[in-house]
C-alpha cells in the first residue's frame, strides 16, 4: 500500500475523527459512525472508502451489517519510516549526554 494514500487519508480532519472513533470502539457500523458527527451517510461512506483504500480501515460483513475496524499497521509503518528514523540519532545523543553527566557526578 502506498504511503501517499495513507498521508492523504490522514490529512483530512474528518477522517482522523472517524479513526479516533474506531480507536475508541472498534467494529462500528456506518450508522454508528454517522452518529459521531454531523455528516450524512454518503459523506461518511465516502470518507470510509478513502480510509479503506489507504488500508487504514478494514470492513467485515456480519449478516446484514458491515463492521468497520481500525487497521493501525499503516500508521505504525509511518512511525517507523518517518519518525523513528529521525528520532534514533536524537535519542542516541540524549543517552550519550546522560552517561556523560552520570560520569561527572561519579567523579
C-alpha atoms as a PDB file:
ATOM      1  CA  UNK A   1       0.000   0.000   0.000  1.00  0.00           C
ATOM      2  CA  UNK A   2       1.212   3.463  -0.888  1.00  0.00           C
ATOM      3  CA  UNK A   3       2.258   5.733   1.960  1.00  0.00           C
ATOM      4  CA  UNK A   4       0.976   8.614  -0.191  1.00  0.00           C
ATOM      5  CA  UNK A   5      -2.546   7.217   0.161  1.00  0.00           C
ATOM      6  CA  UNK A   6      -2.098   6.947   3.926  1.00  0.00           C
ATOM      7  CA  UNK A   7      -0.827  10.528   4.236  1.00  0.00           C
ATOM      8  CA  UNK A   8      -3.673  11.760   2.010  1.00  0.00           C
ATOM      9  CA  UNK A   9      -6.227   9.911   4.121  1.00  0.00           C
ATOM     10  CA  UNK A  10      -4.756  11.240   7.366  1.00  0.00           C
ATOM     11  CA  UNK A  11      -4.642  14.822   6.048  1.00  0.00           C
ATOM     12  CA  UNK A  12      -8.395  15.257   6.470  1.00  0.00           C
ATOM     13  CA  UNK A  13      -9.653  16.081   9.997  1.00  0.00           C
ATOM     14  CA  UNK A  14     -12.967  14.317   9.388  1.00  0.00           C
ATOM     15  CA  UNK A  15     -11.195  11.078   8.527  1.00  0.00           C
ATOM     16  CA  UNK A  16      -8.987  11.430  11.598  1.00  0.00           C
ATOM     17  CA  UNK A  17     -12.140  11.804  13.727  1.00  0.00           C
ATOM     18  CA  UNK A  18     -13.520   8.611  12.189  1.00  0.00           C
ATOM     19  CA  UNK A  19     -10.249   6.829  13.010  1.00  0.00           C
ATOM     20  CA  UNK A  20     -10.395   8.182  16.568  1.00  0.00           C
ATOM     21  CA  UNK A  21     -13.938   6.870  16.878  1.00  0.00           C
ATOM     22  CA  UNK A  22     -12.806   3.431  15.705  1.00  0.00           C
ATOM     23  CA  UNK A  23      -9.841   3.522  18.058  1.00  0.00           C
ATOM     24  CA  UNK A  24     -12.215   4.224  20.945  1.00  0.00           C
ATOM     25  CA  UNK A  25     -14.646   1.496  19.892  1.00  0.00           C
ATOM     26  CA  UNK A  26     -13.656  -0.816  17.062  1.00  0.00           C
ATOM     27  CA  UNK A  27     -16.186  -2.641  14.895  1.00  0.00           C
ATOM     28  CA  UNK A  28     -18.733   0.100  14.224  1.00  0.00           C
ATOM     29  CA  UNK A  29     -21.373   0.177  11.515  1.00  0.00           C
ATOM     30  CA  UNK A  30     -21.859   3.048   9.096  1.00  0.00           C
ATOM     31  CA  UNK A  31     -24.862   4.226  11.127  1.00  0.00           C
ATOM     32  CA  UNK A  32     -22.834   4.261  14.336  1.00  0.00           C
ATOM     33  CA  UNK A  33     -20.053   6.220  12.659  1.00  0.00           C
ATOM     34  CA  UNK A  34     -22.579   8.720  11.282  1.00  0.00           C
ATOM     35  CA  UNK A  35     -23.711   9.405  14.838  1.00  0.00           C
ATOM     36  CA  UNK A  36     -20.190  10.634  15.688  1.00  0.00           C
ATOM     37  CA  UNK A  37     -20.590  13.864  13.739  1.00  0.00           C
ATOM     38  CA  UNK A  38     -22.886  15.996  11.690  1.00  0.00           C
ATOM     39  CA  UNK A  39     -22.409  14.119   8.422  1.00  0.00           C
ATOM     40  CA  UNK A  40     -24.682  12.341   6.021  1.00  0.00           C
ATOM     41  CA  UNK A  41     -24.357   8.617   5.387  1.00  0.00           C
ATOM     42  CA  UNK A  42     -22.994   9.393   1.936  1.00  0.00           C
ATOM     43  CA  UNK A  43     -20.272  11.673   3.326  1.00  0.00           C
ATOM     44  CA  UNK A  44     -19.196   9.112   5.930  1.00  0.00           C
ATOM     45  CA  UNK A  45     -19.250   6.339   3.306  1.00  0.00           C
ATOM     46  CA  UNK A  46     -17.043   8.434   1.028  1.00  0.00           C
ATOM     47  CA  UNK A  47     -14.537   9.063   3.824  1.00  0.00           C
ATOM     48  CA  UNK A  48     -14.570   5.381   4.781  1.00  0.00           C
ATOM     49  CA  UNK A  49     -13.843   4.418   1.161  1.00  0.00           C
ATOM     50  CA  UNK A  50     -10.727   6.611   1.216  1.00  0.00           C
ATOM     51  CA  UNK A  51      -9.656   5.129   4.560  1.00  0.00           C
ATOM     52  CA  UNK A  52     -10.215   1.605   3.222  1.00  0.00           C
ATOM     53  CA  UNK A  53      -8.230   2.389   0.057  1.00  0.00           C
ATOM     54  CA  UNK A  54      -5.352   3.513   2.311  1.00  0.00           C
ATOM     55  CA  UNK A  55      -5.753   0.273   4.324  1.00  0.00           C
ATOM     56  CA  UNK A  56      -6.427   2.270   7.500  1.00  0.00           C
ATOM     57  CA  UNK A  57      -9.890   0.746   7.871  1.00  0.00           C
ATOM     58  CA  UNK A  58     -10.939  -2.820   7.181  1.00  0.00           C
ATOM     59  CA  UNK A  59     -14.604  -3.673   6.700  1.00  0.00           C
ATOM     60  CA  UNK A  60     -16.108  -7.044   7.510  1.00  0.00           C
ATOM     61  CA  UNK A  61     -19.633  -8.213   6.768  1.00  0.00           C
ATOM     62  CA  UNK A  62     -21.579  -9.732   9.648  1.00  0.00           C
ATOM     63  CA  UNK A  63     -25.008 -10.741   8.466  1.00  0.00           C
ATOM     64  CA  UNK A  64     -26.663  -7.635   7.069  1.00  0.00           C
ATOM     65  CA  UNK A  65     -24.221  -5.322   8.824  1.00  0.00           C
ATOM     66  CA  UNK A  66     -20.836  -4.134   7.662  1.00  0.00           C
ATOM     67  CA  UNK A  67     -18.481  -3.523  10.567  1.00  0.00           C
ATOM     68  CA  UNK A  68     -15.501  -1.195  10.262  1.00  0.00           C
ATOM     69  CA  UNK A  69     -12.248  -1.819  12.095  1.00  0.00           C
ATOM     70  CA  UNK A  70      -9.165   0.320  12.541  1.00  0.00           C
ATOM     71  CA  UNK A  71      -6.010  -1.121  10.990  1.00  0.00           C
ATOM     72  CA  UNK A  72      -3.086   0.539  12.815  1.00  0.00           C
ATOM     73  CA  UNK A  73      -0.369  -1.110  10.692  1.00  0.00           C
ATOM     74  CA  UNK A  74      -0.004   1.723   8.124  1.00  0.00           C
ATOM     75  CA  UNK A  75       0.308   4.266  10.943  1.00  0.00           C
ATOM     76  CA  UNK A  76       2.972   2.083  12.550  1.00  0.00           C
ATOM     77  CA  UNK A  77       4.784   1.942   9.206  1.00  0.00           C
ATOM     78  CA  UNK A  78       4.765   5.747   9.084  1.00  0.00           C
ATOM     79  CA  UNK A  79       6.099   5.940  12.614  1.00  0.00           C
ATOM     80  CA  UNK A  80       8.891   3.516  11.756  1.00  0.00           C
ATOM     81  CA  UNK A  81       9.779   5.124   8.442  1.00  0.00           C
ATOM     82  CA  UNK A  82       9.318   8.823   9.157  1.00  0.00           C
ATOM     83  CA  UNK A  83       9.500   9.326  12.892  1.00  0.00           C
ATOM     84  CA  UNK A  84      11.699   6.520  14.192  1.00  0.00           C
ATOM     85  CA  UNK A  85      14.442   7.196  11.690  1.00  0.00           C
ATOM     86  CA  UNK A  86      14.807  10.809  12.802  1.00  0.00           C
ATOM     87  CA  UNK A  87      14.419  10.099  16.499  1.00  0.00           C
ATOM     88  CA  UNK A  88      17.146   7.436  16.681  1.00  0.00           C
ATOM     89  CA  UNK A  89      20.019   9.884  16.407  1.00  0.00           C
ATOM     90  CA  UNK A  90      18.440  12.308  18.861  1.00  0.00           C
ATOM     91  CA  UNK A  91      17.760   9.555  21.389  1.00  0.00           C
ATOM     92  CA  UNK A  92      21.325   8.343  20.963  1.00  0.00           C
ATOM     93  CA  UNK A  93      22.622  11.857  21.633  1.00  0.00           C
ATOM     94  CA  UNK A  94      20.483  12.128  24.756  1.00  0.00           C
ATOM     95  CA  UNK A  95      21.743   8.744  26.002  1.00  0.00           C
ATOM     96  CA  UNK A  96      25.350   9.895  25.446  1.00  0.00           C
ATOM     97  CA  UNK A  97      24.673  13.138  27.308  1.00  0.00           C
ATOM     98  CA  UNK A  98      23.086  11.240  30.195  1.00  0.00           C
ATOM     99  CA  UNK A  99      26.061   8.895  30.517  1.00  0.00           C
ATOM    100  CA  UNK A 100      28.455  11.851  30.409  1.00  0.00           C
ATOM    101  CA  UNK A 101      26.531  13.566  33.187  1.00  0.00           C
ATOM    102  CA  UNK A 102      26.489  10.365  35.259  1.00  0.00           C
ATOM    103  CA  UNK A 103      30.268  10.030  34.868  1.00  0.00           C
ATOM    104  CA  UNK A 104      30.786  13.624  36.020  1.00  0.00           C
ATOM    105  CA  UNK A 105      28.646  13.104  39.109  1.00  0.00           C
ATOM    106  CA  UNK A 106      30.571   9.911  39.936  1.00  0.00           C
ATOM    107  CA  UNK A 107      33.895  11.803  39.842  1.00  0.00           C
END
